[in-house]
Amino acid sequence: MNFDTKVAIVVRNDLEVWQKLNVTAFLTSGVVGADASLLGSDYEDAAGNTYAPLLIQPVIVLAADRDKLRTIYSRAKDRGVRLSLYIEDMFATGHDAANRETVKARQPDEMSIVGLGMRDERKLVDKITKGARMHP
């Protein structure tokens, strides 16, 4: 199935593996949380056990260095694309309210961005994420 939109997660390439996975999970939840229609229906196995729905379209996971992430952030903001955001300070917090406080305390140019998530028109997401590489 082809989609008119693209979901992209971009993580900083110098993070520890656990950090990359954590950031990817949080950013994906932000993308889905912004548009509940992205969730499909419940899954059911042959025995009748049900499972939670999943995202209806593929997610591309990209890697970029610190400077490229900053560029991607600027491109998205300039084009009005809604982002989910994860900054380095959030690794030191333990809950959602504290995460929001760390972001609120920083000016955009002071944030140490470690990941961005977005969903928008396919070609626009490609332009914004240009230069990031498929995550290995």
C-alpha atoms as a PDB file:
ATOM      1  CA  MET A   1       0.000   0.000   0.000  1.00  0.00           C
ATOM      2  CA  ASN A   2       1.290   3.475  -0.840  1.00  0.00           C
ATOM      3  CA  PHE A   3       0.815   6.370   1.556  1.00  0.00           C
ATOM      4  CA  ASP A   4       0.713  10.075   0.742  1.00  0.00           C
ATOM      5  CA  THR A   5       2.409  10.766   4.053  1.00  0.00           C
ATOM      6  CA  LYS A   6       5.619   9.573   5.630  1.00  0.00           C
ATOM      7  CA  VAL A   7       6.480   8.969   9.258  1.00  0.00           C
ATOM      8  CA  ALA A   8      10.151   9.651   9.971  1.00  0.00           C
ATOM      9  CA  ILE A   9      12.102   9.352  13.187  1.00  0.00           C
ATOM     10  CA  VAL A  10      15.599  10.837  13.216  1.00  0.00           C
ATOM     11  CA  VAL A  11      17.959   9.947  16.063  1.00  0.00           C
ATOM     12  CA  ARG A  12      21.405  11.285  16.817  1.00  0.00           C
ATOM     13  CA  ASN A  13      23.956   8.759  15.645  1.00  0.00           C
ATOM     14  CA  ASP A  14      26.276   8.959  18.680  1.00  0.00           C
ATOM     15  CA  LEU A  15      23.750   7.755  21.273  1.00  0.00           C
ATOM     16  CA  GLU A  16      24.014   4.471  23.159  1.00  0.00           C
ATOM     17  CA  VAL A  17      21.805   1.722  21.708  1.00  0.00           C
ATOM     18  CA  TRP A  18      19.385   1.852  24.674  1.00  0.00           C
ATOM     19  CA  GLN A  19      19.068   5.615  24.188  1.00  0.00           C
ATOM     20  CA  LYS A  20      18.306   5.245  20.469  1.00  0.00           C
ATOM     21  CA  LEU A  21      15.590   2.711  21.207  1.00  0.00           C
ATOM     22  CA  ASN A  22      14.126   4.830  24.012  1.00  0.00           C
ATOM     23  CA  VAL A  23      14.102   7.986  21.890  1.00  0.00           C
ATOM     24  CA  THR A  24      12.555   6.156  18.928  1.00  0.00           C
ATOM     25  CA  ALA A  25       9.753   4.794  21.110  1.00  0.00           C
ATOM     26  CA  PHE A  26       8.979   8.170  22.680  1.00  0.00           C
ATOM     27  CA  LEU A  27       9.063  10.037  19.357  1.00  0.00           C
ATOM     28  CA  THR A  28       6.821   7.478  17.671  1.00  0.00           C
ATOM     29  CA  SER A  29       4.317   7.832  20.500  1.00  0.00           C
ATOM     30  CA  GLY A  30       4.346  11.594  19.893  1.00  0.00           C
ATOM     31  CA  VAL A  31       3.589  11.170  16.202  1.00  0.00           C
ATOM     32  CA  VAL A  32       0.726   8.763  16.927  1.00  0.00           C
ATOM     33  CA  GLY A  33      -0.524  10.879  19.813  1.00  0.00           C
ATOM     34  CA  ALA A  34      -0.875  13.841  17.454  1.00  0.00           C
ATOM     35  CA  ASP A  35      -3.197  11.866  15.165  1.00  0.00           C
ATOM     36  CA  ALA A  36      -5.090   8.893  16.583  1.00  0.00           C
ATOM     37  CA  SER A  37      -6.243   7.922  13.077  1.00  0.00           C
ATOM     38  CA  LEU A  38      -2.748   6.502  12.577  1.00  0.00           C
ATOM     39  CA  LEU A  39      -3.695   3.514  14.724  1.00  0.00           C
ATOM     40  CA  GLY A  40      -5.221   0.493  13.100  1.00  0.00           C
ATOM     41  CA  SER A  41      -7.580  -2.022  14.658  1.00  0.00           C
ATOM     42  CA  ASP A  42      -6.833  -4.510  17.413  1.00  0.00           C
ATOM     43  CA  TYR A  43      -5.017  -7.695  16.438  1.00  0.00           C
ATOM     44  CA  GLU A  44      -6.452 -11.101  17.214  1.00  0.00           C
ATOM     45  CA  ASP A  45      -4.754 -14.479  17.028  1.00  0.00           C
ATOM     46  CA  ALA A  46      -6.401 -17.796  16.093  1.00  0.00           C
ATOM     47  CA  ALA A  47      -7.147 -18.529  19.778  1.00  0.00           C
ATOM     48  CA  GLY A  48      -9.100 -15.296  20.154  1.00  0.00           C
ATOM     49  CA  ASN A  49      -6.466 -13.421  22.179  1.00  0.00           C
ATOM     50  CA  THR A  50      -6.490  -9.732  21.343  1.00  0.00           C
ATOM     51  CA  TYR A  51      -3.540  -7.370  21.088  1.00  0.00           C
ATOM     52  CA  ALA A  52      -3.230  -3.598  20.937  1.00  0.00           C
ATOM     53  CA  PRO A  53      -3.407  -1.874  17.551  1.00  0.00           C
ATOM     54  CA  LEU A  54      -0.268  -0.750  15.747  1.00  0.00           C
ATOM     55  CA  LEU A  55       0.603   2.136  13.488  1.00  0.00           C
ATOM     56  CA  ILE A  56      -1.068   1.725  10.076  1.00  0.00           C
ATOM     57  CA  GLN A  57       1.922   2.847   8.025  1.00  0.00           C
ATOM     58  CA  PRO A  58       5.647   2.123   8.016  1.00  0.00           C
ATOM     59  CA  VAL A  59       8.073   4.246  10.002  1.00  0.00           C
ATOM     60  CA  ILE A  60      11.449   5.177   8.583  1.00  0.00           C
ATOM     61  CA  VAL A  61      14.191   5.460  11.206  1.00  0.00           C
ATOM     62  CA  LEU A  62      17.102   7.677  10.231  1.00  0.00           C
ATOM     63  CA  ALA A  63      20.377   8.630  11.908  1.00  0.00           C
ATOM     64  CA  ALA A  64      22.108  11.997  11.820  1.00  0.00           C
ATOM     65  CA  ASP A  65      24.859  13.811  13.652  1.00  0.00           C
ATOM     66  CA  ARG A  66      24.238  16.759  15.960  1.00  0.00           C
ATOM     67  CA  ASP A  67      24.582  19.390  13.216  1.00  0.00           C
ATOM     68  CA  LYS A  68      22.315  17.575  10.758  1.00  0.00           C
ATOM     69  CA  LEU A  69      19.649  17.153  13.445  1.00  0.00           C
ATOM     70  CA  ARG A  70      19.771  20.911  14.029  1.00  0.00           C
ATOM     71  CA  THR A  71      19.357  21.470  10.269  1.00  0.00           C
ATOM     72  CA  ILE A  72      16.412  19.055  10.115  1.00  0.00           C
ATOM     73  CA  TYR A  73      14.834  20.832  13.083  1.00  0.00           C
ATOM     74  CA  SER A  74      15.192  24.204  11.341  1.00  0.00           C
ATOM     75  CA  ARG A  75      13.808  22.917   8.047  1.00  0.00           C
ATOM     76  CA  ALA A  76      10.765  21.437   9.772  1.00  0.00           C
ATOM     77  CA  LYS A  77      10.082  24.563  11.817  1.00  0.00           C
ATOM     78  CA  ASP A  78      10.480  26.795   8.733  1.00  0.00           C
ATOM     79  CA  ARG A  79       7.896  24.676   6.906  1.00  0.00           C
ATOM     80  CA  GLY A  80       5.445  24.492   9.795  1.00  0.00           C
ATOM     81  CA  VAL A  81       5.784  20.742  10.265  1.00  0.00           C
ATOM     82  CA  ARG A  82       4.713  19.546  13.702  1.00  0.00           C
ATOM     83  CA  LEU A  83       7.499  17.680  15.476  1.00  0.00           C
ATOM     84  CA  SER A  84       7.841  15.341  18.370  1.00  0.00           C
ATOM     85  CA  LEU A  85      11.066  16.232  20.154  1.00  0.00           C
ATOM     86  CA  TYR A  86      13.525  14.561  22.496  1.00  0.00           C
ATOM     87  CA  ILE A  87      16.397  16.517  24.013  1.00  0.00           C
ATOM     88  CA  GLU A  88      19.420  15.242  25.892  1.00  0.00           C
ATOM     89  CA  ASP A  89      18.218  16.681  29.220  1.00  0.00           C
ATOM     90  CA  MET A  90      15.267  14.289  29.140  1.00  0.00           C
ATOM     91  CA  PHE A  91      17.561  11.300  29.793  1.00  0.00           C
ATOM     92  CA  ALA A  92      17.990  12.604  33.364  1.00  0.00           C
ATOM     93  CA  THR A  93      14.263  12.838  34.141  1.00  0.00           C
ATOM     94  CA  GLY A  94      11.934  10.129  35.291  1.00  0.00           C
ATOM     95  CA  HIS A  95       8.499  11.199  34.090  1.00  0.00           C
ATOM     96  CA  ASP A  96       6.505  13.137  31.523  1.00  0.00           C
ATOM     97  CA  ALA A  97       6.011  16.348  33.504  1.00  0.00           C
ATOM     98  CA  ALA A  98       9.759  16.608  34.151  1.00  0.00           C
ATOM     99  CA  ASN A  99      10.428  16.048  30.435  1.00  0.00           C
ATOM    100  CA  ARG A 100       8.151  18.955  29.536  1.00  0.00           C
ATOM    101  CA  GLU A 101       9.890  21.142  32.137  1.00  0.00           C
ATOM    102  CA  THR A 102      13.311  20.458  30.578  1.00  0.00           C
ATOM    103  CA  VAL A 103      12.059  21.557  27.168  1.00  0.00           C
ATOM    104  CA  LYS A 104      10.264  24.605  28.573  1.00  0.00           C
ATOM    105  CA  ALA A 105      13.500  25.730  30.254  1.00  0.00           C
ATOM    106  CA  ARG A 106      15.420  25.894  26.954  1.00  0.00           C
ATOM    107  CA  GLN A 107      15.364  28.332  24.064  1.00  0.00           C
ATOM    108  CA  PRO A 108      15.180  26.500  20.711  1.00  0.00           C
ATOM    109  CA  ASP A 109      18.819  27.234  19.867  1.00  0.00           C
ATOM    110  CA  GLU A 110      19.952  25.938  23.308  1.00  0.00           C
ATOM    111  CA  MET A 111      18.310  22.522  23.056  1.00  0.00           C
ATOM    112  CA  SER A 112      20.616  19.554  22.625  1.00  0.00           C
ATOM    113  CA  ILE A 113      18.352  17.632  20.258  1.00  0.00           C
ATOM    114  CA  VAL A 114      18.826  13.870  20.212  1.00  0.00           C
ATOM    115  CA  GLY A 115      15.744  12.962  18.204  1.00  0.00           C
ATOM    116  CA  LEU A 116      12.880  14.268  16.110  1.00  0.00           C
ATOM    117  CA  GLY A 117       9.702  12.611  14.891  1.00  0.00           C
ATOM    118  CA  MET A 118       7.383  13.821  12.162  1.00  0.00           C
ATOM    119  CA  ARG A 119       4.573  12.852   9.843  1.00  0.00           C
ATOM    120  CA  ASP A 120       3.674  14.933   6.860  1.00  0.00           C
ATOM    121  CA  GLU A 121       3.414  14.825   3.084  1.00  0.00           C
ATOM    122  CA  ARG A 122       5.914  12.302   1.768  1.00  0.00           C
ATOM    123  CA  LYS A 123       7.975  14.635  -0.425  1.00  0.00           C
ATOM    124  CA  LEU A 124       8.109  17.299   2.275  1.00  0.00           C
ATOM    125  CA  VAL A 125       9.449  14.834   4.847  1.00  0.00           C
ATOM    126  CA  ASP A 126      12.062  13.712   2.298  1.00  0.00           C
ATOM    127  CA  LYS A 127      13.194  17.321   1.785  1.00  0.00           C
ATOM    128  CA  ILE A 128      13.326  18.025   5.509  1.00  0.00           C
ATOM    129  CA  THR A 129      15.308  14.883   6.353  1.00  0.00           C
ATOM    130  CA  LYS A 130      17.689  15.154   3.390  1.00  0.00           C
ATOM    131  CA  GLY A 131      21.188  14.263   4.495  1.00  0.00           C
ATOM    132  CA  ALA A 132      20.134  11.870   7.257  1.00  0.00           C
ATOM    133  CA  ARG A 133      20.937   8.225   6.618  1.00  0.00           C
ATOM    134  CA  MET A 134      18.947   5.052   7.184  1.00  0.00           C
ATOM    135  CA  HIS A 135      19.701   3.868  10.679  1.00  0.00           C
ATOM    136  CA  PRO A 136      22.065   0.889  10.520  1.00  0.00           C
END
